[in-house]
Protein backbone atom coordinates (compact mmCIF):
# COMPACT_ATOMS: atom_id res chain seq x y z
CA MET A 1 -143.69 32.98 -34.01
CA ALA A 2 -145.47 30.19 -35.85
CA GLN A 3 -142.17 28.34 -36.02
CA GLY A 4 -140.88 29.52 -32.61
CA ARG A 5 -139.12 26.99 -30.45
CA PHE A 6 -139.74 27.93 -26.82
CA ILE A 7 -137.91 26.55 -23.82
CA ALA A 8 -138.57 27.19 -20.14
CA TYR A 9 -135.40 28.65 -18.65
CA GLU A 10 -134.04 29.12 -15.15
CA PRO A 11 -130.40 30.29 -14.81
CA THR A 12 -128.10 27.47 -13.72
CA SER A 13 -126.28 29.81 -11.32
CA LEU A 14 -129.47 30.68 -9.41
CA LYS A 15 -129.44 28.82 -6.10
CA VAL A 16 -132.02 28.59 -3.34
CA ILE A 17 -130.82 26.83 -0.20
CA ASP A 18 -132.85 26.84 3.02
CA GLY A 19 -134.94 29.70 1.65
CA ARG A 20 -131.90 31.87 0.92
CA VAL A 21 -131.48 32.98 -2.67
CA THR A 22 -128.13 33.38 -4.40
CA ASP A 23 -128.76 35.51 -7.47
CA ALA A 24 -127.79 34.32 -10.93
CA ASP A 25 -124.88 36.16 -12.52
CA ALA A 26 -124.86 37.66 -16.01
CA ALA A 27 -121.85 35.62 -17.20
CA SER A 28 -123.57 32.35 -16.31
CA ILE A 29 -126.82 33.50 -17.94
CA ARG A 30 -124.90 34.39 -21.11
CA ALA A 31 -123.24 30.94 -21.17
CA ASP A 32 -126.61 29.22 -20.63
CA LEU A 33 -128.34 31.21 -23.35
CA MET A 34 -125.53 30.73 -25.86
CA GLN A 35 -126.00 26.97 -25.55
CA LEU A 36 -129.79 27.18 -25.70
CA ARG A 37 -129.75 29.49 -28.73
CA GLU A 38 -128.35 26.70 -30.91
CA ARG A 39 -131.69 24.85 -30.62
CA PHE A 40 -134.24 27.38 -29.39
CA ASP A 41 -135.27 30.90 -30.37
CA ALA A 42 -137.71 31.79 -27.58
CA LEU A 43 -137.61 31.69 -23.78
CA ILE A 44 -140.07 31.44 -20.91
CA THR A 45 -138.60 32.44 -17.56
CA TYR A 46 -139.80 31.54 -14.08
CA ASP A 47 -138.72 34.76 -12.39
CA ALA A 48 -138.05 38.41 -13.17
CA ILE A 49 -135.57 39.12 -10.35
CA HIS A 50 -132.71 37.29 -8.58
CA GLY A 51 -130.38 38.04 -11.47
CA ALA A 52 -133.02 37.35 -14.14
CA GLN A 53 -133.06 41.09 -14.88
CA ALA A 54 -130.07 40.37 -17.16
CA ILE A 55 -131.96 37.86 -19.31
CA PRO A 56 -133.77 40.27 -21.70
CA ALA A 57 -130.64 42.20 -22.71
CA ILE A 58 -128.61 39.03 -23.23
CA ALA A 59 -131.45 37.30 -25.09
CA ALA A 60 -131.84 40.32 -27.39
CA GLU A 61 -128.10 40.39 -28.07
CA LEU A 62 -128.14 36.67 -28.93
CA LYS A 63 -131.09 37.26 -31.29
CA PHE A 64 -133.74 35.28 -29.46
CA ARG A 65 -137.07 36.06 -31.11
CA ALA A 66 -139.37 36.06 -28.09
CA LEU A 67 -139.36 36.11 -24.31
CA ILE A 68 -142.24 35.45 -21.92
CA ILE A 69 -141.28 36.75 -18.50
CA GLY A 70 -142.57 34.74 -15.57
CA VAL A 71 -143.46 36.54 -12.37
CA TRP A 72 -143.35 34.04 -9.54
CA ASP A 73 -145.42 36.15 -7.14
CA PRO A 74 -147.20 39.11 -8.75
CA ARG A 75 -148.04 40.44 -5.27
CA GLU A 76 -144.36 41.36 -4.87
CA PRO A 77 -143.73 44.88 -6.23
CA ALA A 78 -140.06 44.21 -7.08
CA GLN A 79 -140.98 41.26 -9.31
CA LEU A 80 -143.68 43.19 -11.14
CA ALA A 81 -141.44 46.23 -11.56
CA ALA A 82 -138.64 44.12 -13.07
CA ALA A 83 -140.99 42.41 -15.54
CA LEU A 84 -142.63 45.68 -16.57
CA ASP A 85 -139.25 47.36 -16.98
CA ALA A 86 -138.07 44.56 -19.29
CA ALA A 87 -141.29 44.78 -21.33
CA ARG A 88 -140.78 48.52 -21.79
CA ARG A 89 -137.07 48.27 -22.65
CA PHE A 90 -137.42 45.31 -25.05
CA PRO A 91 -140.85 45.64 -26.70
CA GLN A 92 -139.86 43.66 -29.80
CA LEU A 93 -138.58 40.76 -27.69
CA VAL A 94 -141.05 40.48 -24.80
CA ALA A 95 -144.05 38.54 -26.07
CA GLY A 96 -145.83 38.68 -22.74
CA ILE A 97 -145.71 38.46 -18.97
CA SER A 98 -146.92 35.35 -17.16
CA LEU A 99 -148.31 36.11 -13.72
CA GLY A 100 -148.67 33.80 -10.78
CA ASN A 101 -149.03 30.35 -12.33
CA GLU A 102 -147.43 28.76 -9.28
CA LEU A 103 -149.80 30.62 -6.96
CA ILE A 104 -152.82 29.19 -8.78
CA PHE A 105 -151.47 25.63 -8.84
CA SER A 106 -150.55 25.73 -5.14
CA HIS A 107 -153.92 27.35 -4.23
CA ARG A 108 -152.17 30.35 -2.62
CA ILE A 109 -154.27 32.90 -4.53
CA ALA A 110 -157.89 32.95 -5.60
CA PRO A 111 -158.50 33.35 -9.36
CA PRO A 112 -160.38 36.68 -8.92
CA ALA A 113 -157.40 38.15 -7.02
CA LEU A 114 -155.03 37.02 -9.78
CA LEU A 115 -157.35 38.48 -12.43
CA ALA A 116 -157.23 41.80 -10.58
CA LEU A 117 -153.43 41.70 -10.63
CA ILE A 118 -153.47 40.90 -14.36
CA ALA A 119 -155.75 43.90 -14.97
CA GLN A 120 -153.39 46.09 -12.92
CA VAL A 121 -150.39 44.99 -14.97
CA SER A 122 -152.30 45.51 -18.22
CA THR A 123 -153.05 49.08 -17.14
CA GLN A 124 -149.40 49.72 -16.23
CA ALA A 125 -148.06 48.22 -19.47
CA PRO A 126 -150.50 48.94 -22.27
CA ALA A 127 -147.84 48.20 -24.89
CA VAL A 128 -147.36 44.60 -23.74
CA PRO A 129 -149.02 42.55 -26.46
CA LEU A 130 -152.36 40.85 -25.90
CA SER A 131 -153.87 37.97 -27.82
CA THR A 132 -157.30 38.15 -29.44
CA THR A 133 -158.75 35.85 -26.77
CA GLN A 134 -157.33 37.99 -23.96
CA ILE A 135 -158.84 41.11 -25.53
CA ALA A 136 -162.18 39.34 -26.09
CA HIS A 137 -162.23 38.13 -22.48
CA GLU A 138 -161.53 41.62 -21.12
CA LEU A 139 -164.27 43.16 -23.24
CA GLY A 140 -166.81 40.35 -22.99
CA GLN A 141 -166.90 39.98 -26.80
CA SER A 142 -166.43 36.97 -29.06
CA PRO A 143 -162.89 36.42 -30.43
CA GLY A 144 -164.31 36.54 -33.99
CA SER A 145 -165.82 39.98 -33.44
CA VAL A 146 -162.64 41.29 -31.81
CA ASN A 147 -160.56 39.86 -34.66
CA GLN A 148 -162.64 41.76 -37.24
CA HIS A 149 -162.13 45.04 -35.37
CA LEU A 150 -158.41 44.39 -34.98
CA SER A 151 -158.12 43.77 -38.73
CA VAL A 152 -159.55 47.23 -39.38
CA LEU A 153 -157.21 48.80 -36.81
CA ARG A 154 -154.23 46.96 -38.33
CA GLY A 155 -155.20 48.14 -41.81
CA SER A 156 -155.36 51.71 -40.48
CA GLY A 157 -151.87 51.51 -38.96
CA LEU A 158 -153.11 51.71 -35.37
CA VAL A 159 -152.01 48.24 -34.24
CA VAL A 160 -149.35 45.79 -35.32
CA SER A 161 -149.55 42.06 -34.88
CA ARG A 162 -147.16 39.15 -34.62
CA ARG A 163 -147.62 35.44 -34.23
CA SER A 164 -146.46 33.73 -31.03
CA GLY A 165 -147.10 30.01 -31.15
CA ARG A 166 -150.80 29.59 -31.90
CA SER A 167 -151.69 33.11 -30.73
CA VAL A 168 -151.58 36.38 -32.62
CA LEU A 169 -150.46 39.23 -30.36
CA TYR A 170 -151.46 42.86 -30.91
CA ARG A 171 -149.75 46.06 -29.81
CA GLN A 172 -150.58 49.74 -30.28
CA THR A 173 -148.45 51.64 -32.80
CA PRO A 174 -146.86 55.00 -31.92
CA LEU A 175 -149.54 56.62 -34.11
CA ALA A 176 -152.32 55.09 -31.96
CA GLN A 177 -150.54 56.08 -28.74
CA SER A 178 -150.17 59.70 -29.91
CA MET A 179 -153.84 59.84 -30.96
CA ILE A 180 -154.94 58.52 -27.56
CA ALA A 181 -152.65 60.98 -25.77
CA ALA A 182 -154.02 63.88 -27.84
CA GLN A 183 -157.57 62.81 -27.02
CA GLN A 184 -156.76 62.67 -23.30
CA VAL A 185 -155.20 66.13 -23.38
CA ALA A 186 -158.23 67.49 -25.25
CA ARG A 187 -160.64 65.96 -22.71
CA HIS A 188 -158.71 66.53 -19.49
CA GLY A 189 -156.07 69.14 -20.27
CA THR A 190 -153.21 66.88 -19.19
CA LEU A 191 -151.83 63.37 -19.33
CA GLY A 192 -150.33 63.44 -15.86
CA THR A 193 -153.56 62.80 -13.98
CA LEU A 194 -154.64 59.79 -16.03
CA PRO A 195 -153.44 56.17 -15.97
CA PRO A 196 -151.95 54.76 -19.20
CA THR A 197 -154.69 53.96 -21.69
CA ARG A 198 -155.20 50.47 -23.05
CA LEU A 199 -156.12 50.04 -26.65
CA ARG A 200 -159.90 50.22 -26.75
CA ARG A 201 -161.06 47.23 -28.78
């Protein structure tokens, strides 16, 4: 996405009055996105529910190239579930999930608590792409070292990469996922008792 043109998007039909939410409707979202598509090819949303569940399918149909799904409050299970569902259903479109920015800015969550939520989401959605710096941070390694390892994995067909703005995002290939699953079965006899495995970098 070196040439991607992102825009932050909130459906025009979404209304919040006196704390009561009126969900956005799919027809209004489609009309909004049709207008935005003329000038932009990537979206960043503020929410994953309240009608925003329709955004990924409509964006994919209109040939948007990337979507970053915002999760207003990652402590809310419905919001996380909606974002994770979209990431699983539209893996070529969803470039990432943004968790809790508003909570940090309003000082309603401590950074360690948000980091724990990010780790939880990463475990639940191992296929959601990560950037080299995210991977390096999680492993306590330098981005240069991680990048060298990822180059070898990419050359072996175990990860694929794509550019999103100034970041390069990496995702496991089906070959890597099947190799990890086979290893888990060999070690533990089943996949059912283990959480999804993140790409070990």
